[in-house]
Amino acid sequence: MRLPFLVLTPACVLLGLGCAVRTSGRVNPLYVALVLVGAICAHISVNAFNEYFDFKSGLDFKTTRTPFSGGSGTLPARSDLACTALAIAWTAFSITALVGLFFIHLRGLTLLPFGLLGLFLLFSYTPWLTHSPLLCLIAPGLGFGPLMVISTYISLTGQLSWSVIIASLVPFFLVSNLLLLNQFPDVEADKSVGRRHFPILLGRKRSSLIYGLFLLLAYLTIALGVTFKVLPQASLIGLLGLCLAIPAGVNAYRHAEDISSLLPSLGLNVLVNITTPVLLGIGLLIK
């Protein structure tokens, strides 16, 4: 399940919650809890599917694990748990689907395309989408950004607004970056099992420029959202994430080819993905 990384989920759900509270004044706390359960199960599902498929493809035996990439190492050490991992993946997948069906019944069919695309991403990311550089880049951000944040908002309010659409773009860029940078240590191993992502296609140095661009777009989204009054002024506290993002981006460019020197950027990248949505979410909740 990669439990330590599940903290990313409530950080993203907070954005949808912040927009919902700002729009409707208050929300049903039971619905908030149910949304969070569905979102966490979605994250567990994609993690467990990833563990299972990477074990079956042999990738886990070729990667050099870091604290932030290369999988948990559970199945190479305990191959007898492979079926358990797959069962966890499908169980969490089913819980997410049931939560989605509840909110579709409650709010209507507006949620259906978000739910179907989300479920497709959970299963397809590792075996299929990682073979397309563009899809591999945007799928994680799409899942944790627009799909999770907007679905949270619709589930809590039954509506759709520009504020939540703009807010969802922040984790879109950041979480896409999270997986992009985590691919740097695994280029050779990923290539050996047929994966195709930008660090393989363009090299690490050029891919670090994509990483820097996505960081810029994440924070530019906040600034422009406030400038055009789609987001409240308090949302600008999300820009404090730049204190972590700038050194992460600079270090990623300087040490793109030196994995040991790149590790601090991997750590900062995780912090950027958690602190920025949380700060933005707090800004949305401030009246």
C-alpha atoms as a PDB file:
ATOM      1  CA  MET A   1       0.000   0.000   0.000  1.00  0.00           C
ATOM      2  CA  ARG A   2       3.033   2.299   0.498  1.00  0.00           C
ATOM      3  CA  LEU A   3       1.313   3.849   3.506  1.00  0.00           C
ATOM      4  CA  PRO A   4       3.707   6.796   4.072  1.00  0.00           C
ATOM      5  CA  PHE A   5       2.876   8.153   0.604  1.00  0.00           C
ATOM      6  CA  LEU A   6      -0.895   8.104   1.175  1.00  0.00           C
ATOM      7  CA  VAL A   7      -0.623  11.519   2.856  1.00  0.00           C
ATOM      8  CA  LEU A   8      -0.734  12.983  -0.655  1.00  0.00           C
ATOM      9  CA  THR A   9      -4.403  12.007  -0.952  1.00  0.00           C
ATOM     10  CA  PRO A  10      -5.881  14.118   1.889  1.00  0.00           C
ATOM     11  CA  ALA A  11      -3.720  17.033   0.683  1.00  0.00           C
ATOM     12  CA  CYS A  12      -5.455  16.871  -2.717  1.00  0.00           C
ATOM     13  CA  VAL A  13      -8.913  16.215  -1.267  1.00  0.00           C
ATOM     14  CA  LEU A  14      -8.430  19.344   0.866  1.00  0.00           C
ATOM     15  CA  LEU A  15      -8.460  21.455  -2.304  1.00  0.00           C
ATOM     16  CA  GLY A  16     -11.879  20.143  -3.314  1.00  0.00           C
ATOM     17  CA  LEU A  17     -13.100  20.561   0.254  1.00  0.00           C
ATOM     18  CA  GLY A  18     -11.780  24.129   0.453  1.00  0.00           C
ATOM     19  CA  CYS A  19     -13.552  25.089  -2.776  1.00  0.00           C
ATOM     20  CA  ALA A  20     -16.759  23.386  -1.590  1.00  0.00           C
ATOM     21  CA  VAL A  21     -16.793  25.184   1.764  1.00  0.00           C
ATOM     22  CA  ARG A  22     -16.092  28.482   0.037  1.00  0.00           C
ATOM     23  CA  THR A  23     -18.976  27.932  -2.393  1.00  0.00           C
ATOM     24  CA  SER A  24     -21.652  26.477  -0.120  1.00  0.00           C
ATOM     25  CA  GLY A  25     -20.616  27.675   3.317  1.00  0.00           C
ATOM     26  CA  ARG A  26     -20.628  24.237   4.881  1.00  0.00           C
ATOM     27  CA  VAL A  27     -20.566  20.593   3.868  1.00  0.00           C
ATOM     28  CA  ASN A  28     -21.779  17.305   5.296  1.00  0.00           C
ATOM     29  CA  PRO A  29     -18.896  15.889   7.400  1.00  0.00           C
ATOM     30  CA  LEU A  30     -20.048  12.315   6.715  1.00  0.00           C
ATOM     31  CA  TYR A  31     -19.777  12.962   2.995  1.00  0.00           C
ATOM     32  CA  VAL A  32     -16.302  14.415   3.514  1.00  0.00           C
ATOM     33  CA  ALA A  33     -15.265  11.252   5.365  1.00  0.00           C
ATOM     34  CA  LEU A  34     -16.729   9.047   2.636  1.00  0.00           C
ATOM     35  CA  VAL A  35     -14.959  11.015  -0.102  1.00  0.00           C
ATOM     36  CA  LEU A  36     -11.689  10.627   1.786  1.00  0.00           C
ATOM     37  CA  VAL A  37     -12.197   6.862   2.137  1.00  0.00           C
ATOM     38  CA  GLY A  38     -12.844   6.530  -1.595  1.00  0.00           C
ATOM     39  CA  ALA A  39      -9.838   8.671  -2.499  1.00  0.00           C
ATOM     40  CA  ILE A  40      -7.455   6.836  -0.159  1.00  0.00           C
ATOM     41  CA  CYS A  41      -8.663   3.480  -1.483  1.00  0.00           C
ATOM     42  CA  ALA A  42      -8.012   4.717  -5.020  1.00  0.00           C
ATOM     43  CA  HIS A  43      -4.438   5.592  -4.021  1.00  0.00           C
ATOM     44  CA  ILE A  44      -3.991   2.214  -2.312  1.00  0.00           C
ATOM     45  CA  SER A  45      -5.342   0.464  -5.398  1.00  0.00           C
ATOM     46  CA  VAL A  46      -2.969   2.106  -7.865  1.00  0.00           C
ATOM     47  CA  ASN A  47      -0.026   1.502  -5.504  1.00  0.00           C
ATOM     48  CA  ALA A  48      -0.865  -2.178  -5.080  1.00  0.00           C
ATOM     49  CA  PHE A  49      -1.455  -2.694  -8.808  1.00  0.00           C
ATOM     50  CA  ASN A  50       1.922  -1.041  -9.419  1.00  0.00           C
ATOM     51  CA  GLU A  51       3.639  -3.350  -6.929  1.00  0.00           C
ATOM     52  CA  TYR A  52       2.026  -6.420  -8.502  1.00  0.00           C
ATOM     53  CA  PHE A  53       2.663  -5.556 -12.154  1.00  0.00           C
ATOM     54  CA  ASP A  54       6.244  -4.419 -11.528  1.00  0.00           C
ATOM     55  CA  PHE A  55       6.906  -7.698  -9.727  1.00  0.00           C
ATOM     56  CA  LYS A  56       5.363  -9.788 -12.521  1.00  0.00           C
ATOM     57  CA  SER A  57       7.302  -7.925 -15.234  1.00  0.00           C
ATOM     58  CA  GLY A  58      10.563  -8.428 -13.358  1.00  0.00           C
ATOM     59  CA  LEU A  59      11.145  -4.676 -13.037  1.00  0.00           C
ATOM     60  CA  ASP A  60      11.383  -4.806  -9.242  1.00  0.00           C
ATOM     61  CA  PHE A  61      14.421  -7.057  -9.526  1.00  0.00           C
ATOM     62  CA  LYS A  62      16.243  -4.533 -11.726  1.00  0.00           C
ATOM     63  CA  THR A  63      15.605  -1.204 -10.022  1.00  0.00           C
ATOM     64  CA  THR A  64      17.882   0.377  -7.457  1.00  0.00           C
ATOM     65  CA  ARG A  65      15.441   1.456  -4.774  1.00  0.00           C
ATOM     66  CA  THR A  66      15.608   4.898  -3.165  1.00  0.00           C
ATOM     67  CA  PRO A  67      13.411   6.180  -0.308  1.00  0.00           C
ATOM     68  CA  PHE A  68      11.222   7.803  -2.962  1.00  0.00           C
ATOM     69  CA  SER A  69      11.296   5.474  -5.976  1.00  0.00           C
ATOM     70  CA  GLY A  70      11.706   1.877  -7.071  1.00  0.00           C
ATOM     71  CA  GLY A  71       8.731   0.412  -5.205  1.00  0.00           C
ATOM     72  CA  SER A  72       8.531  -0.903  -1.666  1.00  0.00           C
ATOM     73  CA  GLY A  73      10.636  -4.020  -2.279  1.00  0.00           C
ATOM     74  CA  THR A  74       7.984  -6.160  -0.573  1.00  0.00           C
ATOM     75  CA  LEU A  75       7.262  -8.645  -3.349  1.00  0.00           C
ATOM     76  CA  PRO A  76      10.878  -9.343  -4.383  1.00  0.00           C
ATOM     77  CA  ALA A  77      11.504 -10.208  -0.742  1.00  0.00           C
ATOM     78  CA  ARG A  78       8.203 -12.090  -0.285  1.00  0.00           C
ATOM     79  CA  SER A  79       7.020 -13.466  -3.619  1.00  0.00           C
ATOM     80  CA  ASP A  80       4.309 -15.448  -1.823  1.00  0.00           C
ATOM     81  CA  LEU A  81       2.497 -12.140  -1.184  1.00  0.00           C
ATOM     82  CA  ALA A  82       1.914 -11.415  -4.884  1.00  0.00           C
ATOM     83  CA  CYS A  83      -1.663 -12.707  -4.796  1.00  0.00           C
ATOM     84  CA  THR A  84      -2.261 -10.733  -1.613  1.00  0.00           C
ATOM     85  CA  ALA A  85      -1.065  -7.556  -3.326  1.00  0.00           C
ATOM     86  CA  LEU A  86      -3.432  -8.167  -6.233  1.00  0.00           C
ATOM     87  CA  ALA A  87      -6.305  -8.845  -3.829  1.00  0.00           C
ATOM     88  CA  ILE A  88      -5.583  -5.589  -1.988  1.00  0.00           C
ATOM     89  CA  ALA A  89      -5.556  -3.739  -5.309  1.00  0.00           C
ATOM     90  CA  TRP A  90      -8.930  -5.098  -6.423  1.00  0.00           C
ATOM     91  CA  THR A  91     -10.518  -4.698  -2.973  1.00  0.00           C
ATOM     92  CA  ALA A  92      -9.487  -1.041  -2.756  1.00  0.00           C
ATOM     93  CA  PHE A  93     -10.577  -0.580  -6.393  1.00  0.00           C
ATOM     94  CA  SER A  94     -14.029  -1.979  -5.531  1.00  0.00           C
ATOM     95  CA  ILE A  95     -14.428   0.254  -2.476  1.00  0.00           C
ATOM     96  CA  THR A  96     -13.578   3.296  -4.592  1.00  0.00           C
ATOM     97  CA  ALA A  97     -16.146   2.213  -7.182  1.00  0.00           C
ATOM     98  CA  LEU A  98     -18.843   1.737  -4.524  1.00  0.00           C
ATOM     99  CA  VAL A  99     -18.175   5.170  -3.039  1.00  0.00           C
ATOM    100  CA  GLY A 100     -18.395   6.611  -6.541  1.00  0.00           C
ATOM    101  CA  LEU A 101     -21.709   4.876  -7.193  1.00  0.00           C
ATOM    102  CA  PHE A 102     -23.119   6.317  -3.962  1.00  0.00           C
ATOM    103  CA  PHE A 103     -22.248   9.868  -4.974  1.00  0.00           C
ATOM    104  CA  ILE A 104     -23.478   9.321  -8.552  1.00  0.00           C
ATOM    105  CA  HIS A 105     -26.814   8.253  -7.047  1.00  0.00           C
ATOM    106  CA  LEU A 106     -26.742  11.321  -4.773  1.00  0.00           C
ATOM    107  CA  ARG A 107     -25.481  13.980  -7.200  1.00  0.00           C
ATOM    108  CA  GLY A 108     -26.314  12.641 -10.639  1.00  0.00           C
ATOM    109  CA  LEU A 109     -24.466  11.518 -13.746  1.00  0.00           C
ATOM    110  CA  THR A 110     -22.082  14.490 -13.820  1.00  0.00           C
ATOM    111  CA  LEU A 111     -19.702  12.389 -11.738  1.00  0.00           C
ATOM    112  CA  LEU A 112     -19.855   9.322 -13.994  1.00  0.00           C
ATOM    113  CA  PRO A 113     -17.163  10.295 -16.552  1.00  0.00           C
ATOM    114  CA  PHE A 114     -14.807  11.344 -13.730  1.00  0.00           C
ATOM    115  CA  GLY A 115     -15.364   8.011 -11.995  1.00  0.00           C
ATOM    116  CA  LEU A 116     -14.951   5.863 -15.085  1.00  0.00           C
ATOM    117  CA  LEU A 117     -11.766   7.627 -16.175  1.00  0.00           C
ATOM    118  CA  GLY A 118     -10.406   7.441 -12.622  1.00  0.00           C
ATOM    119  CA  LEU A 119     -11.009   3.697 -12.377  1.00  0.00           C
ATOM    120  CA  PHE A 120      -9.419   3.186 -15.794  1.00  0.00           C
ATOM    121  CA  LEU A 121      -6.286   5.032 -14.658  1.00  0.00           C
ATOM    122  CA  LEU A 122      -5.999   2.946 -11.479  1.00  0.00           C
ATOM    123  CA  PHE A 123      -5.713  -0.311 -13.387  1.00  0.00           C
ATOM    124  CA  SER A 124      -4.077   0.797 -16.634  1.00  0.00           C
ATOM    125  CA  TYR A 125      -1.279   3.077 -15.432  1.00  0.00           C
ATOM    126  CA  THR A 126       1.445   0.483 -14.851  1.00  0.00           C
ATOM    127  CA  PRO A 127       0.750  -2.127 -17.568  1.00  0.00           C
ATOM    128  CA  TRP A 128      -0.256   0.251 -20.394  1.00  0.00           C
ATOM    129  CA  LEU A 129       0.146   3.991 -19.816  1.00  0.00           C
ATOM    130  CA  THR A 130       3.810   3.734 -18.828  1.00  0.00           C
ATOM    131  CA  HIS A 131       4.530   2.746 -22.449  1.00  0.00           C
ATOM    132  CA  SER A 132       3.450   6.174 -23.740  1.00  0.00           C
ATOM    133  CA  PRO A 133       5.666   9.129 -22.728  1.00  0.00           C
ATOM    134  CA  LEU A 134       2.866  11.703 -22.787  1.00  0.00           C
ATOM    135  CA  LEU A 135       0.270   9.550 -21.021  1.00  0.00           C
ATOM    136  CA  CYS A 136       2.850   8.406 -18.487  1.00  0.00           C
ATOM    137  CA  LEU A 137       3.598  12.070 -17.739  1.00  0.00           C
ATOM    138  CA  ILE A 138       0.048  13.398 -17.340  1.00  0.00           C
ATOM    139  CA  ALA A 139      -1.859  10.385 -15.968  1.00  0.00           C
ATOM    140  CA  PRO A 140      -0.698  10.763 -12.323  1.00  0.00           C
ATOM    141  CA  GLY A 141      -1.470  14.480 -12.308  1.00  0.00           C
ATOM    142  CA  LEU A 142      -4.829  13.891 -13.974  1.00  0.00           C
ATOM    143  CA  GLY A 143      -5.737  11.330 -11.307  1.00  0.00           C
ATOM    144  CA  PHE A 144      -4.737  13.364  -8.256  1.00  0.00           C
ATOM    145  CA  GLY A 145      -5.591  16.738  -9.805  1.00  0.00           C
ATOM    146  CA  PRO A 146      -8.742  17.250 -11.889  1.00  0.00           C
ATOM    147  CA  LEU A 147     -10.264  13.818 -11.249  1.00  0.00           C
ATOM    148  CA  MET A 148      -9.786  13.729  -7.460  1.00  0.00           C
ATOM    149  CA  VAL A 149     -10.222  17.432  -6.697  1.00  0.00           C
ATOM    150  CA  ILE A 150     -13.199  18.074  -8.982  1.00  0.00           C
ATOM    151  CA  SER A 151     -14.888  14.797  -7.981  1.00  0.00           C
ATOM    152  CA  THR A 152     -14.531  15.802  -4.335  1.00  0.00           C
ATOM    153  CA  TYR A 153     -16.149  19.153  -5.063  1.00  0.00           C
ATOM    154  CA  ILE A 154     -19.062  17.688  -7.041  1.00  0.00           C
ATOM    155  CA  SER A 155     -19.609  14.991  -4.407  1.00  0.00           C
ATOM    156  CA  LEU A 156     -19.883  17.621  -1.673  1.00  0.00           C
ATOM    157  CA  THR A 157     -21.836  20.297  -3.558  1.00  0.00           C
ATOM    158  CA  GLY A 158     -23.462  18.731  -6.613  1.00  0.00           C
ATOM    159  CA  GLN A 159     -22.063  21.609  -8.677  1.00  0.00           C
ATOM    160  CA  LEU A 160     -19.062  22.548 -10.776  1.00  0.00           C
ATOM    161  CA  SER A 161     -17.168  25.847 -10.591  1.00  0.00           C
ATOM    162  CA  TRP A 162     -14.201  27.558 -12.209  1.00  0.00           C
ATOM    163  CA  SER A 163     -12.486  27.867  -8.831  1.00  0.00           C
ATOM    164  CA  VAL A 164     -12.210  24.096  -8.372  1.00  0.00           C
ATOM    165  CA  ILE A 165     -11.148  23.579 -12.007  1.00  0.00           C
ATOM    166  CA  ILE A 166      -8.289  26.071 -11.595  1.00  0.00           C
ATOM    167  CA  ALA A 167      -7.357  24.738  -8.140  1.00  0.00           C
ATOM    168  CA  SER A 168      -7.199  21.181  -9.525  1.00  0.00           C
ATOM    169  CA  LEU A 169      -4.498  22.209 -12.012  1.00  0.00           C
ATOM    170  CA  VAL A 170      -2.011  22.750  -9.167  1.00  0.00           C
ATOM    171  CA  PRO A 171      -1.811  19.039  -8.179  1.00  0.00           C
ATOM    172  CA  PHE A 172      -2.073  18.165 -11.876  1.00  0.00           C
ATOM    173  CA  PHE A 173       1.302  19.761 -12.543  1.00  0.00           C
ATOM    174  CA  LEU A 174       2.875  18.817  -9.201  1.00  0.00           C
ATOM    175  CA  VAL A 175       1.887  15.136  -9.115  1.00  0.00           C
ATOM    176  CA  SER A 176       2.865  14.685 -12.762  1.00  0.00           C
ATOM    177  CA  ASN A 177       6.224  16.079 -11.674  1.00  0.00           C
ATOM    178  CA  LEU A 178       6.353  13.732  -8.691  1.00  0.00           C
ATOM    179  CA  LEU A 179       6.297  10.660 -10.903  1.00  0.00           C
ATOM    180  CA  LEU A 180       8.478  12.285 -13.577  1.00  0.00           C
ATOM    181  CA  LEU A 181      11.379  12.943 -11.213  1.00  0.00           C
ATOM    182  CA  ASN A 182      10.979   9.522  -9.594  1.00  0.00           C
ATOM    183  CA  GLN A 183      11.625   7.983 -13.013  1.00  0.00           C
ATOM    184  CA  PHE A 184      15.149   9.428 -13.182  1.00  0.00           C
ATOM    185  CA  PRO A 185      16.801   6.690 -11.060  1.00  0.00           C
ATOM    186  CA  ASP A 186      14.988   3.919 -12.973  1.00  0.00           C
ATOM    187  CA  VAL A 187      15.754   4.820 -16.595  1.00  0.00           C
ATOM    188  CA  GLU A 188      17.827   1.735 -17.432  1.00  0.00           C
ATOM    189  CA  ALA A 189      15.563  -0.683 -15.543  1.00  0.00           C
ATOM    190  CA  ASP A 190      12.367   0.785 -17.020  1.00  0.00           C
ATOM    191  CA  LYS A 191      13.784   0.669 -20.535  1.00  0.00           C
ATOM    192  CA  SER A 192      14.618  -3.029 -20.143  1.00  0.00           C
ATOM    193  CA  VAL A 193      10.932  -3.939 -19.598  1.00  0.00           C
ATOM    194  CA  GLY A 194       9.578  -1.791 -22.443  1.00  0.00           C
ATOM    195  CA  ARG A 195       8.550   1.336 -20.591  1.00  0.00           C
ATOM    196  CA  ARG A 196       8.713   4.637 -22.481  1.00  0.00           C
ATOM    197  CA  HIS A 197       8.732   7.877 -20.563  1.00  0.00           C
ATOM    198  CA  PHE A 198      10.446  11.209 -21.097  1.00  0.00           C
ATOM    199  CA  PRO A 199      13.648  10.454 -19.132  1.00  0.00           C
ATOM    200  CA  ILE A 200      14.081   7.486 -21.515  1.00  0.00           C
ATOM    201  CA  LEU A 201      12.943   9.331 -24.636  1.00  0.00           C
ATOM    202  CA  LEU A 202      14.700  12.683 -24.083  1.00  0.00           C
ATOM    203  CA  GLY A 203      17.258  11.883 -21.403  1.00  0.00           C
ATOM    204  CA  ARG A 204      17.369  13.067 -17.808  1.00  0.00           C
ATOM    205  CA  LYS A 205      18.811  16.530 -18.510  1.00  0.00           C
ATOM    206  CA  ARG A 206      16.106  17.549 -20.970  1.00  0.00           C
ATOM    207  CA  SER A 207      13.420  15.966 -18.805  1.00  0.00           C
ATOM    208  CA  SER A 208      14.573  18.145 -15.917  1.00  0.00           C
ATOM    209  CA  LEU A 209      13.488  21.121 -18.045  1.00  0.00           C
ATOM    210  CA  ILE A 210       9.977  19.623 -18.240  1.00  0.00           C
ATOM    211  CA  TYR A 211      10.117  19.257 -14.466  1.00  0.00           C
ATOM    212  CA  GLY A 212      11.036  22.927 -14.090  1.00  0.00           C
ATOM    213  CA  LEU A 213       8.293  23.989 -16.520  1.00  0.00           C
ATOM    214  CA  PHE A 214       5.626  22.056 -14.612  1.00  0.00           C
ATOM    215  CA  LEU A 215       6.770  23.609 -11.335  1.00  0.00           C
ATOM    216  CA  LEU A 216       6.443  27.047 -12.920  1.00  0.00           C
ATOM    217  CA  LEU A 217       2.971  26.259 -14.291  1.00  0.00           C
ATOM    218  CA  ALA A 218       1.746  25.010 -10.888  1.00  0.00           C
ATOM    219  CA  TYR A 219       2.578  28.264  -9.129  1.00  0.00           C
ATOM    220  CA  LEU A 220       1.618  30.402 -12.115  1.00  0.00           C
ATOM    221  CA  THR A 221      -1.828  28.796 -11.895  1.00  0.00           C
ATOM    222  CA  ILE A 222      -2.219  30.082  -8.335  1.00  0.00           C
ATOM    223  CA  ALA A 223      -1.030  33.577  -9.223  1.00  0.00           C
ATOM    224  CA  LEU A 224      -3.264  33.846 -12.290  1.00  0.00           C
ATOM    225  CA  GLY A 225      -6.227  32.369 -10.397  1.00  0.00           C
ATOM    226  CA  VAL A 226      -5.949  35.167  -7.844  1.00  0.00           C
ATOM    227  CA  THR A 227      -5.259  37.835 -10.494  1.00  0.00           C
ATOM    228  CA  PHE A 228      -8.461  36.964 -12.359  1.00  0.00           C
ATOM    229  CA  LYS A 229     -10.376  36.568  -9.059  1.00  0.00           C
ATOM    230  CA  VAL A 230     -11.157  32.909  -9.620  1.00  0.00           C
ATOM    231  CA  LEU A 231      -9.262  32.084  -6.414  1.00  0.00           C
ATOM    232  CA  PRO A 232      -9.336  34.216  -3.235  1.00  0.00           C
ATOM    233  CA  GLN A 233      -6.326  36.363  -2.337  1.00  0.00           C
ATOM    234  CA  ALA A 234      -5.576  34.124   0.634  1.00  0.00           C
ATOM    235  CA  SER A 235      -4.719  31.398  -1.901  1.00  0.00           C
ATOM    236  CA  LEU A 236      -1.418  33.199  -2.443  1.00  0.00           C
ATOM    237  CA  ILE A 237      -0.061  31.449   0.651  1.00  0.00           C
ATOM    238  CA  GLY A 238       0.271  28.459  -1.674  1.00  0.00           C
ATOM    239  CA  LEU A 239       3.170  30.312  -3.281  1.00  0.00           C
ATOM    240  CA  LEU A 240       5.184  29.614  -0.127  1.00  0.00           C
ATOM    241  CA  GLY A 241       5.737  26.208  -1.685  1.00  0.00           C
ATOM    242  CA  LEU A 242       8.229  27.937  -3.965  1.00  0.00           C
ATOM    243  CA  CYS A 243      10.659  27.907  -1.036  1.00  0.00           C
ATOM    244  CA  LEU A 244      10.920  24.157  -1.622  1.00  0.00           C
ATOM    245  CA  ALA A 245      10.173  24.047  -5.338  1.00  0.00           C
ATOM    246  CA  ILE A 246      12.970  26.386  -6.472  1.00  0.00           C
ATOM    247  CA  PRO A 247      15.827  24.421  -4.847  1.00  0.00           C
ATOM    248  CA  ALA A 248      14.214  21.179  -6.033  1.00  0.00           C
ATOM    249  CA  GLY A 249      14.115  22.424  -9.621  1.00  0.00           C
ATOM    250  CA  VAL A 250      17.620  23.898  -9.606  1.00  0.00           C
ATOM    251  CA  ASN A 251      19.131  20.766  -8.059  1.00  0.00           C
ATOM    252  CA  ALA A 252      17.230  18.516 -10.489  1.00  0.00           C
ATOM    253  CA  TYR A 253      18.719  20.375 -13.450  1.00  0.00           C
ATOM    254  CA  ARG A 254      22.247  20.488 -12.044  1.00  0.00           C
ATOM    255  CA  HIS A 255      22.349  16.836 -10.978  1.00  0.00           C
ATOM    256  CA  ALA A 256      20.015  15.180 -13.480  1.00  0.00           C
ATOM    257  CA  GLU A 257      22.687  12.614 -14.401  1.00  0.00           C
ATOM    258  CA  ASP A 258      23.993  12.043 -10.862  1.00  0.00           C
ATOM    259  CA  ILE A 259      21.375  10.040  -8.973  1.00  0.00           C
ATOM    260  CA  SER A 260      23.090  10.211  -5.583  1.00  0.00           C
ATOM    261  CA  SER A 261      23.203  14.020  -5.819  1.00  0.00           C
ATOM    262  CA  LEU A 262      19.627  14.058  -7.142  1.00  0.00           C
ATOM    263  CA  LEU A 263      18.165  12.388  -4.030  1.00  0.00           C
ATOM    264  CA  PRO A 264      17.622  15.694  -2.138  1.00  0.00           C
ATOM    265  CA  SER A 265      15.430  16.852  -5.021  1.00  0.00           C
ATOM    266  CA  LEU A 266      13.359  13.678  -4.780  1.00  0.00           C
ATOM    267  CA  GLY A 267      12.741  14.440  -1.102  1.00  0.00           C
ATOM    268  CA  LEU A 268      11.945  18.100  -1.738  1.00  0.00           C
ATOM    269  CA  ASN A 269       9.635  17.024  -4.548  1.00  0.00           C
ATOM    270  CA  VAL A 270       7.546  14.981  -2.109  1.00  0.00           C
ATOM    271  CA  LEU A 271       7.336  17.939   0.287  1.00  0.00           C
ATOM    272  CA  VAL A 272       6.318  20.279  -2.540  1.00  0.00           C
ATOM    273  CA  ASN A 273       3.478  17.923  -3.477  1.00  0.00           C
ATOM    274  CA  ILE A 274       2.148  17.874   0.068  1.00  0.00           C
ATOM    275  CA  THR A 275       2.732  21.399   1.363  1.00  0.00           C
ATOM    276  CA  THR A 276       1.554  23.349  -1.692  1.00  0.00           C
ATOM    277  CA  PRO A 277      -1.950  21.789  -1.935  1.00  0.00           C
ATOM    278  CA  VAL A 278      -2.322  22.015   1.847  1.00  0.00           C
ATOM    279  CA  LEU A 279      -1.362  25.704   1.871  1.00  0.00           C
ATOM    280  CA  LEU A 280      -3.650  26.404  -1.086  1.00  0.00           C
ATOM    281  CA  GLY A 281      -6.461  24.488   0.605  1.00  0.00           C
ATOM    282  CA  ILE A 282      -6.014  26.529   3.787  1.00  0.00           C
ATOM    283  CA  GLY A 283      -6.120  29.696   1.691  1.00  0.00           C
ATOM    284  CA  LEU A 284      -9.415  28.583   0.175  1.00  0.00           C
ATOM    285  CA  LEU A 285     -10.880  27.975   3.634  1.00  0.00           C
ATOM    286  CA  ILE A 286      -9.902  31.420   4.954  1.00  0.00           C
ATOM    287  CA  LYS A 287     -12.860  33.781   4.834  1.00  0.00           C
END
